[in-house]
């Protein structure tokens, strides 16, 4: 063998090979991810502290920082390694049973998870809700959601408009139920809601050829007759909708309102108190205003078309900030008991007004229509949540779902 053919020697001779990790190091990986999962479930991703995770895992903070630079990076790892696949399996079951209808409608497992969600489902909802505003989560979570939607033939590039609308409506139902459950922790049976969806999705429907026009929806603003109060409520809604409750500092809210921090703490002891008042003011008024839309839908010649226009208006640009504030209120309610109490009261008051509006008078009528009233509340929340995670939700023609659901076309009988 000549000199030019000699085999290379020395440290550059062999390709790079990662150092083999010890069994104890691999065990620590598992301990950290499990501790991260449980800590997010306990305090939420926005309050995740590496020191708290280290205590749960019985490790040093150095062991964590040797693997993850921040709590957000750990949150992204928890999403990938602990909750993503299980949550997508849950959503897979919903799509297979409700949209594709290629498996028997055995809803027991689905209903059980909605009534009493697992730690993985709770954490998945938290990470999905925060992905829009935390870069480390956005990079992995939104890409995973897009890939999952494409796999189900419902991505933004599909030409199957009705299927995409049905899939997103199903996701919105699952997420809306989970968010609606949070404040009151009620174990409700959603069997009739899901079976009604499954039946409507399978009905023949002549897709409309005319251009769909959303109903105009004005910006939601506080109206307390107190200019300072209105400024603070609108400011907290604007800031919380962008960064979440935990990162919405008093000074930032005051600056947005054009006031001093003293103006906040002269009226409220904590920013949580201000959030509670904003929820009470903005959500209560909005739910009351929605009753007018409900009455229009009930008397409309085509309830499905009317409901679709109202939903599209809710998803329009003027309502974006308010929608996101509403989502953040639901996410905060899981961690802050006083916020949960306020939100639960607002939802229950809205439900009672809804039942009165549709003519439920007796206790039996109210019990029978309870789930219907709650469905009217959770669907806008679920659709707003879907809008956080996937493009084009406001542009969907919601007649493709609400037409068959609320204005089913008669099926011709064979003669």
Protein backbone atom coordinates (compact mmCIF):
# COMPACT_ATOMS: atom_id res chain seq x y z
CA UNK A 1 0.00 0.00 0.00
CA UNK A 2 1.47 3.37 -1.06
CA UNK A 3 1.65 6.47 1.06
CA UNK A 4 -1.38 7.95 -0.67
CA UNK A 5 -3.38 4.88 0.29
CA UNK A 6 -2.38 4.86 3.95
CA UNK A 7 -5.27 4.73 6.41
CA UNK A 8 -5.73 7.90 8.45
CA UNK A 9 -4.82 7.72 12.08
CA UNK A 10 -5.25 9.96 15.12
CA UNK A 11 -8.28 11.75 16.59
CA UNK A 12 -9.63 12.79 13.16
CA UNK A 13 -9.61 9.26 11.80
CA UNK A 14 -12.96 8.13 13.21
CA UNK A 15 -16.34 9.81 12.68
CA UNK A 16 -17.89 11.57 15.68
CA UNK A 17 -19.84 9.23 17.92
CA UNK A 18 -21.89 10.53 20.86
CA UNK A 19 -20.70 9.42 24.23
CA UNK A 20 -22.65 6.52 25.60
CA UNK A 21 -24.84 7.71 28.45
CA UNK A 22 -25.04 5.81 31.70
CA UNK A 23 -28.18 4.08 32.93
CA UNK A 24 -28.41 6.58 35.80
CA UNK A 25 -28.28 9.51 33.37
CA UNK A 26 -31.08 8.00 31.29
CA UNK A 27 -33.10 7.41 34.46
CA UNK A 28 -32.65 11.07 35.36
CA UNK A 29 -34.08 12.01 31.94
CA UNK A 30 -37.24 10.11 32.82
CA UNK A 31 -37.43 11.58 36.31
CA UNK A 32 -37.11 15.13 34.97
CA UNK A 33 -39.78 14.68 32.31
CA UNK A 34 -42.18 13.09 34.80
CA UNK A 35 -41.51 15.85 37.32
CA UNK A 36 -41.97 18.49 34.61
CA UNK A 37 -45.30 16.95 33.62
CA UNK A 38 -46.58 16.96 37.19
CA UNK A 39 -45.31 20.46 37.94
CA UNK A 40 -47.02 21.91 34.86
CA UNK A 41 -50.22 20.16 35.91
CA UNK A 42 -49.89 21.74 39.36
CA UNK A 43 -48.92 25.33 38.48
CA UNK A 44 -49.17 25.76 34.70
CA UNK A 45 -46.45 26.35 32.12
CA UNK A 46 -46.22 30.09 32.89
CA UNK A 47 -45.27 29.42 36.53
CA UNK A 48 -42.98 26.47 35.83
CA UNK A 49 -39.77 26.86 37.87
CA UNK A 50 -36.73 24.67 37.30
CA UNK A 51 -36.04 24.57 41.05
CA UNK A 52 -39.51 23.16 41.71
CA UNK A 53 -39.03 20.49 39.05
CA UNK A 54 -35.65 19.59 40.57
CA UNK A 55 -37.29 19.12 43.97
CA UNK A 56 -39.96 16.87 42.50
CA UNK A 57 -37.31 14.79 40.74
CA UNK A 58 -34.99 14.76 43.80
CA UNK A 59 -32.19 16.13 41.62
CA UNK A 60 -30.06 19.25 41.55
CA UNK A 61 -30.97 22.22 39.37
CA UNK A 62 -27.66 21.60 37.62
CA UNK A 63 -28.99 18.26 36.40
CA UNK A 64 -31.90 20.13 34.78
CA UNK A 65 -29.89 22.97 33.29
CA UNK A 66 -27.48 20.43 31.84
CA UNK A 67 -30.39 19.27 29.69
CA UNK A 68 -32.71 22.27 29.30
CA UNK A 69 -31.87 25.97 29.19
CA UNK A 70 -35.21 27.11 30.55
CA UNK A 71 -38.62 26.06 31.77
CA UNK A 72 -40.01 26.75 28.30
CA UNK A 73 -37.51 24.29 26.77
CA UNK A 74 -38.50 21.71 29.37
CA UNK A 75 -42.16 22.38 28.56
CA UNK A 76 -41.47 21.68 24.88
CA UNK A 77 -39.77 18.40 25.84
CA UNK A 78 -42.74 17.43 28.04
CA UNK A 79 -45.06 18.09 25.10
CA UNK A 80 -43.02 15.87 22.78
CA UNK A 81 -42.15 13.06 25.17
CA UNK A 82 -45.13 12.91 27.52
CA UNK A 83 -48.36 14.43 26.23
CA UNK A 84 -48.36 14.89 22.45
CA UNK A 85 -48.95 11.31 21.37
CA UNK A 86 -51.53 10.60 24.05
CA UNK A 87 -53.47 13.77 23.24
CA UNK A 88 -53.39 13.05 19.52
CA UNK A 89 -54.59 9.50 20.23
CA UNK A 90 -57.53 11.02 22.10
CA UNK A 91 -58.29 13.34 19.16
CA UNK A 92 -57.79 10.45 16.70
CA UNK A 93 -60.57 8.55 18.47
CA UNK A 94 -62.88 11.55 18.25
CA UNK A 95 -62.29 12.03 14.51
CA UNK A 96 -62.62 8.31 13.73
CA UNK A 97 -65.92 8.02 15.61
CA UNK A 98 -67.56 11.35 14.82
CA UNK A 99 -66.26 12.45 11.42
CA UNK A 100 -65.18 9.30 9.59
CA UNK A 101 -67.71 7.10 11.41
CA UNK A 102 -65.58 4.06 10.46
CA UNK A 103 -65.72 2.59 13.95
CA UNK A 104 -68.76 1.84 16.13
CA UNK A 105 -69.91 4.86 18.16
CA UNK A 106 -68.58 3.46 21.45
CA UNK A 107 -68.11 6.78 23.19
CA UNK A 108 -67.42 5.51 26.71
CA UNK A 109 -63.65 6.15 26.72
CA UNK A 110 -64.05 9.52 25.02
CA UNK A 111 -66.76 10.62 27.46
CA UNK A 112 -64.73 9.40 30.44
CA UNK A 113 -61.72 11.49 29.40
CA UNK A 114 -63.91 14.56 28.89
CA UNK A 115 -65.56 14.12 32.28
CA UNK A 116 -62.35 13.45 34.20
CA UNK A 117 -59.31 14.31 32.07
CA UNK A 118 -55.93 12.70 32.69
CA UNK A 119 -52.86 14.65 33.73
CA UNK A 120 -51.59 14.34 30.15
CA UNK A 121 -54.78 15.89 28.75
CA UNK A 122 -54.71 18.75 31.27
CA UNK A 123 -51.07 19.53 30.48
CA UNK A 124 -51.63 19.20 26.73
CA UNK A 125 -54.38 21.82 26.93
CA UNK A 126 -52.10 24.14 28.90
CA UNK A 127 -49.23 23.79 26.42
CA UNK A 128 -51.49 24.14 23.39
CA UNK A 129 -53.01 27.30 24.86
CA UNK A 130 -49.61 28.85 25.56
CA UNK A 131 -47.93 27.82 22.28
CA UNK A 132 -48.91 31.01 20.46
CA UNK A 133 -47.07 33.22 22.96
CA UNK A 134 -44.08 31.07 24.02
CA UNK A 135 -41.55 30.70 21.21
CA UNK A 136 -40.06 27.41 22.37
CA UNK A 137 -43.50 25.81 22.40
CA UNK A 138 -44.63 27.43 19.17
CA UNK A 139 -41.72 25.86 17.28
CA UNK A 140 -42.80 22.31 18.10
CA UNK A 141 -46.49 22.41 19.01
CA UNK A 142 -47.85 24.28 15.99
CA UNK A 143 -45.76 22.15 13.62
CA UNK A 144 -47.12 18.99 15.26
CA UNK A 145 -50.71 20.22 15.03
CA UNK A 146 -50.25 21.11 11.35
CA UNK A 147 -48.80 17.66 10.60
CA UNK A 148 -51.64 15.97 12.48
CA UNK A 149 -54.28 17.97 10.60
CA UNK A 150 -52.66 17.13 7.27
CA UNK A 151 -52.59 13.45 8.15
CA UNK A 152 -56.35 13.58 8.68
CA UNK A 153 -56.87 15.27 5.31
CA UNK A 154 -57.93 18.53 6.96
CA UNK A 155 -54.87 20.75 6.59
CA UNK A 156 -55.05 24.31 5.26
CA UNK A 157 -54.29 23.18 1.70
CA UNK A 158 -57.04 20.60 1.41
CA UNK A 159 -59.80 21.08 -1.13
CA UNK A 160 -62.23 19.11 1.01
CA UNK A 161 -63.84 22.11 2.65
CA UNK A 162 -66.62 20.25 4.44
CA UNK A 163 -64.23 17.69 5.90
CA UNK A 164 -61.88 20.39 7.17
CA UNK A 165 -64.81 22.21 8.78
CA UNK A 166 -66.02 18.99 10.43
CA UNK A 167 -62.59 18.07 11.78
CA UNK A 168 -61.98 21.55 13.22
CA UNK A 169 -65.49 21.64 14.69
CA UNK A 170 -64.81 18.28 16.36
CA UNK A 171 -61.52 19.53 17.80
CA UNK A 172 -63.26 22.68 18.99
CA UNK A 173 -65.89 20.55 20.71
CA UNK A 174 -63.27 18.46 22.54
CA UNK A 175 -61.22 21.48 23.58
CA UNK A 176 -64.32 23.54 24.40
CA UNK A 177 -65.68 20.83 26.70
CA UNK A 178 -62.34 20.55 28.50
CA UNK A 179 -62.06 24.32 28.94
CA UNK A 180 -65.70 24.66 30.00
CA UNK A 181 -65.23 21.93 32.60
CA UNK A 182 -62.30 23.68 34.26
CA UNK A 183 -63.89 26.39 36.45
CA UNK A 184 -66.58 24.23 38.10
CA UNK A 185 -64.93 20.80 37.74
CA UNK A 186 -68.33 19.34 36.85
CA UNK A 187 -68.57 15.78 35.57
CA UNK A 188 -71.10 16.12 32.74
CA UNK A 189 -72.34 13.59 30.20
CA UNK A 190 -71.81 14.86 26.66
CA UNK A 191 -73.18 11.75 24.96
CA UNK A 192 -76.14 13.47 23.28
CA UNK A 193 -73.94 16.30 21.97
CA UNK A 194 -71.43 13.93 20.38
CA UNK A 195 -74.05 11.61 18.90
CA UNK A 196 -75.87 14.57 17.39
CA UNK A 197 -72.63 15.70 15.75
CA UNK A 198 -71.91 12.22 14.40
CA UNK A 199 -75.37 11.98 12.88
CA UNK A 200 -75.23 15.43 11.28
CA UNK A 201 -71.76 14.83 9.81
CA UNK A 202 -73.09 11.80 7.94
CA UNK A 203 -76.07 13.57 6.43
CA UNK A 204 -76.03 14.49 2.75
CA UNK A 205 -75.69 18.22 2.31
CA UNK A 206 -75.66 20.40 -0.77
CA UNK A 207 -72.70 22.67 -0.21
CA UNK A 208 -73.69 26.29 -0.86
CA UNK A 209 -72.16 27.95 -3.90
CA UNK A 210 -72.77 31.56 -2.86
CA UNK A 211 -70.19 33.62 -1.00
CA UNK A 212 -70.46 33.29 2.75
CA UNK A 213 -70.64 36.61 4.60
CA UNK A 214 -70.07 36.78 8.34
CA UNK A 215 -72.29 38.82 10.57
CA UNK A 216 -70.66 42.07 11.67
CA UNK A 217 -69.26 41.87 15.19
CA UNK A 218 -68.06 45.02 16.98
CA UNK A 219 -65.06 45.16 19.28
CA UNK A 220 -65.91 44.21 22.87
CA UNK A 221 -65.15 47.02 25.31
CA UNK A 222 -65.92 47.64 28.97
CA UNK A 223 -69.00 49.74 29.74
CA UNK A 224 -69.11 50.42 33.48
CA UNK A 225 -69.87 54.17 33.32
CA UNK A 226 -66.54 54.73 35.10
CA UNK A 227 -63.82 55.89 32.64
CA UNK A 228 -60.95 54.74 34.88
CA UNK A 229 -62.59 51.38 35.48
CA UNK A 230 -63.22 50.96 31.74
CA UNK A 231 -59.61 51.82 30.92
CA UNK A 232 -58.28 49.28 33.43
CA UNK A 233 -60.62 46.50 32.28
CA UNK A 234 -59.81 47.06 28.61
CA UNK A 235 -56.10 47.21 29.41
CA UNK A 236 -56.07 43.96 31.38
CA UNK A 237 -58.00 42.24 28.59
CA UNK A 238 -55.51 43.51 25.99
CA UNK A 239 -52.39 42.53 27.95
CA UNK A 240 -53.66 39.17 29.24
CA UNK A 241 -54.81 38.21 25.74
CA UNK A 242 -51.23 38.72 24.51
CA UNK A 243 -49.06 37.33 27.31
CA UNK A 244 -51.30 35.43 29.74
CA UNK A 245 -52.18 36.30 33.32
CA UNK A 246 -48.84 35.41 34.91
CA UNK A 247 -46.85 37.75 32.67
CA UNK A 248 -49.35 40.59 32.79
CA UNK A 249 -47.67 42.88 35.32
CA UNK A 250 -49.48 45.69 37.08
CA UNK A 251 -47.13 48.29 35.58
CA UNK A 252 -47.75 47.00 32.08
CA UNK A 253 -51.51 47.08 32.55
CA UNK A 254 -51.35 50.60 33.99
CA UNK A 255 -49.18 51.80 31.10
CA UNK A 256 -51.66 50.38 28.58
CA UNK A 257 -54.50 52.13 30.39
CA UNK A 258 -52.61 55.44 30.52
CA UNK A 259 -52.66 55.35 34.32
CA UNK A 260 -50.25 54.80 37.18
CA UNK A 261 -49.78 51.49 38.95
CA UNK A 262 -51.29 53.15 41.99
CA UNK A 263 -54.57 53.49 40.09
CA UNK A 264 -54.73 49.68 39.98
CA UNK A 265 -53.76 48.92 43.53
CA UNK A 266 -55.91 51.72 44.85
CA UNK A 267 -58.91 49.81 43.51
CA UNK A 268 -57.76 46.18 43.54
CA UNK A 269 -55.55 44.31 45.98
CA UNK A 270 -54.05 42.07 43.26
CA UNK A 271 -54.04 41.79 39.49
CA UNK A 272 -56.08 38.59 39.95
CA UNK A 273 -58.83 40.76 41.47
CA UNK A 274 -58.69 43.00 38.41
CA UNK A 275 -58.86 39.94 36.13
CA UNK A 276 -61.90 38.67 38.02
CA UNK A 277 -63.62 42.03 37.54
CA UNK A 278 -62.71 42.06 33.84
CA UNK A 279 -64.15 38.56 33.41
CA UNK A 280 -67.31 39.59 35.22
CA UNK A 281 -67.68 42.77 33.18
CA UNK A 282 -66.68 41.63 29.67
CA UNK A 283 -67.89 38.04 29.65
CA UNK A 284 -71.17 38.65 31.44
CA UNK A 285 -72.11 41.43 29.01
CA UNK A 286 -71.03 39.39 26.02
CA UNK A 287 -73.00 36.32 27.10
CA UNK A 288 -76.06 38.50 27.66
CA UNK A 289 -75.65 40.07 24.23
CA UNK A 290 -75.42 36.58 22.73
CA UNK A 291 -78.96 35.89 23.89
CA UNK A 292 -80.19 38.34 21.26
CA UNK A 293 -78.35 36.33 18.62
CA UNK A 294 -79.89 33.14 20.02
CA UNK A 295 -83.40 34.53 19.67
CA UNK A 296 -82.65 35.50 16.05
CA UNK A 297 -81.40 31.98 15.36
CA UNK A 298 -84.49 30.36 16.87
CA UNK A 299 -86.90 32.34 14.68
CA UNK A 300 -84.74 32.31 11.53
CA UNK A 301 -86.03 30.56 8.42
CA UNK A 302 -82.70 28.70 8.23
CA UNK A 303 -81.22 28.42 11.76
CA UNK A 304 -78.04 26.77 10.46
CA UNK A 305 -77.18 29.68 8.18
CA UNK A 306 -77.95 32.26 10.88
CA UNK A 307 -75.83 30.40 13.45
CA UNK A 308 -72.97 30.11 10.94
CA UNK A 309 -72.99 33.87 10.35
CA UNK A 310 -72.94 34.55 14.09
CA UNK A 311 -70.04 32.10 14.62
CA UNK A 312 -68.10 33.69 11.76
CA UNK A 313 -68.65 37.11 13.30
CA UNK A 314 -67.34 35.81 16.61
CA UNK A 315 -64.21 34.59 14.80
CA UNK A 316 -63.69 37.87 12.94
CA UNK A 317 -60.73 40.19 13.46
CA UNK A 318 -62.52 42.73 15.71
CA UNK A 319 -63.14 39.97 18.26
CA UNK A 320 -59.62 38.44 18.24
CA UNK A 321 -58.38 40.18 21.37
CA UNK A 322 -61.55 39.39 23.29
CA UNK A 323 -61.45 35.71 22.17
CA UNK A 324 -57.90 35.34 23.39
CA UNK A 325 -58.71 37.03 26.68
CA UNK A 326 -61.53 34.52 27.15
CA UNK A 327 -59.13 31.61 26.50
CA UNK A 328 -56.57 32.99 28.94
CA UNK A 329 -59.30 33.37 31.57
CA UNK A 330 -60.13 29.66 31.22
CA UNK A 331 -56.46 28.67 31.42
CA UNK A 332 -55.92 30.88 34.48
CA UNK A 333 -58.99 29.43 36.18
CA UNK A 334 -57.25 26.07 36.48
CA UNK A 335 -54.55 27.60 38.67
CA UNK A 336 -56.32 30.47 40.43
CA UNK A 337 -59.34 29.39 42.53
CA UNK A 338 -60.86 32.90 42.74
CA UNK A 339 -60.71 33.28 38.97
CA UNK A 340 -62.34 29.86 38.63
CA UNK A 341 -65.13 30.88 40.99
CA UNK A 342 -65.83 34.07 39.04
CA UNK A 343 -65.75 32.35 35.66
CA UNK A 344 -67.95 29.51 36.87
CA UNK A 345 -70.52 32.00 38.20
CA UNK A 346 -70.53 33.89 34.89
CA UNK A 347 -71.01 30.63 32.95
CA UNK A 348 -73.81 29.42 35.24
CA UNK A 349 -75.61 32.76 35.06
CA UNK A 350 -75.30 32.70 31.28
CA UNK A 351 -76.63 29.15 31.14
CA UNK A 352 -79.71 30.08 33.19
CA UNK A 353 -80.43 33.06 30.94
CA UNK A 354 -80.04 30.81 27.89
CA UNK A 355 -82.52 28.27 29.28
CA UNK A 356 -85.03 31.02 29.95
CA UNK A 357 -84.56 32.38 26.42
CA UNK A 358 -85.34 29.01 24.81
CA UNK A 359 -88.46 28.58 26.95
CA UNK A 360 -87.29 26.05 29.54
CA UNK A 361 -89.53 26.75 32.51
CA UNK A 362 -89.88 23.65 34.66
CA UNK A 363 -87.00 22.00 36.54
CA UNK A 364 -87.30 18.96 34.27
CA UNK A 365 -87.09 21.09 31.11
CA UNK A 366 -84.03 22.84 32.50
CA UNK A 367 -82.34 19.55 33.36
CA UNK A 368 -83.12 18.10 29.94
CA UNK A 369 -81.75 21.15 28.12
CA UNK A 370 -78.77 21.77 30.40
CA UNK A 371 -76.22 20.24 28.01
CA UNK A 372 -77.68 22.17 25.06
CA UNK A 373 -77.22 25.43 26.96
CA UNK A 374 -73.66 24.53 27.92
CA UNK A 375 -72.87 23.54 24.32
CA UNK A 376 -73.84 27.04 23.20
CA UNK A 377 -71.19 28.40 25.59
CA UNK A 378 -68.37 25.97 24.92
CA UNK A 379 -68.39 25.98 21.12
CA UNK A 380 -67.22 29.61 20.75
CA UNK A 381 -64.47 28.92 23.31
CA UNK A 382 -63.39 25.77 21.48
CA UNK A 383 -63.34 27.49 18.10
CA UNK A 384 -61.30 30.36 19.57
CA UNK A 385 -58.85 27.78 20.91
CA UNK A 386 -58.60 26.15 17.47
CA UNK A 387 -57.96 29.59 15.96
CA UNK A 388 -54.86 29.87 18.16
CA UNK A 389 -53.35 26.72 16.68
CA UNK A 390 -54.18 26.52 13.01
CA UNK A 391 -54.49 29.00 10.14
CA UNK A 392 -57.67 29.88 8.33
CA UNK A 393 -60.26 29.06 11.00
CA UNK A 394 -62.10 32.41 10.68
CA UNK A 395 -62.35 31.92 6.90
CA UNK A 396 -64.19 28.59 7.11
CA UNK A 397 -67.76 28.51 5.80
CA UNK A 398 -69.45 27.28 8.96
CA UNK A 399 -72.65 26.54 7.07
CA UNK A 400 -70.90 23.27 6.12
CA UNK A 401 -71.23 22.12 9.74
CA UNK A 402 -74.07 24.12 11.25
CA UNK A 403 -76.35 23.70 8.23
CA UNK A 404 -76.71 19.90 8.62
CA UNK A 405 -76.61 20.19 12.42
CA UNK A 406 -79.32 22.83 12.84
CA UNK A 407 -81.17 22.80 9.49
CA UNK A 408 -80.95 19.20 8.30
CA UNK A 409 -82.08 18.61 4.75
CA UNK A 410 -84.81 16.00 4.28
CA UNK A 411 -83.50 12.72 2.91
CA UNK A 412 -85.44 11.53 -0.09
CA UNK A 413 -86.99 8.08 0.34
CA UNK A 414 -86.72 5.48 -2.39
CA UNK A 415 -89.97 4.84 -4.24
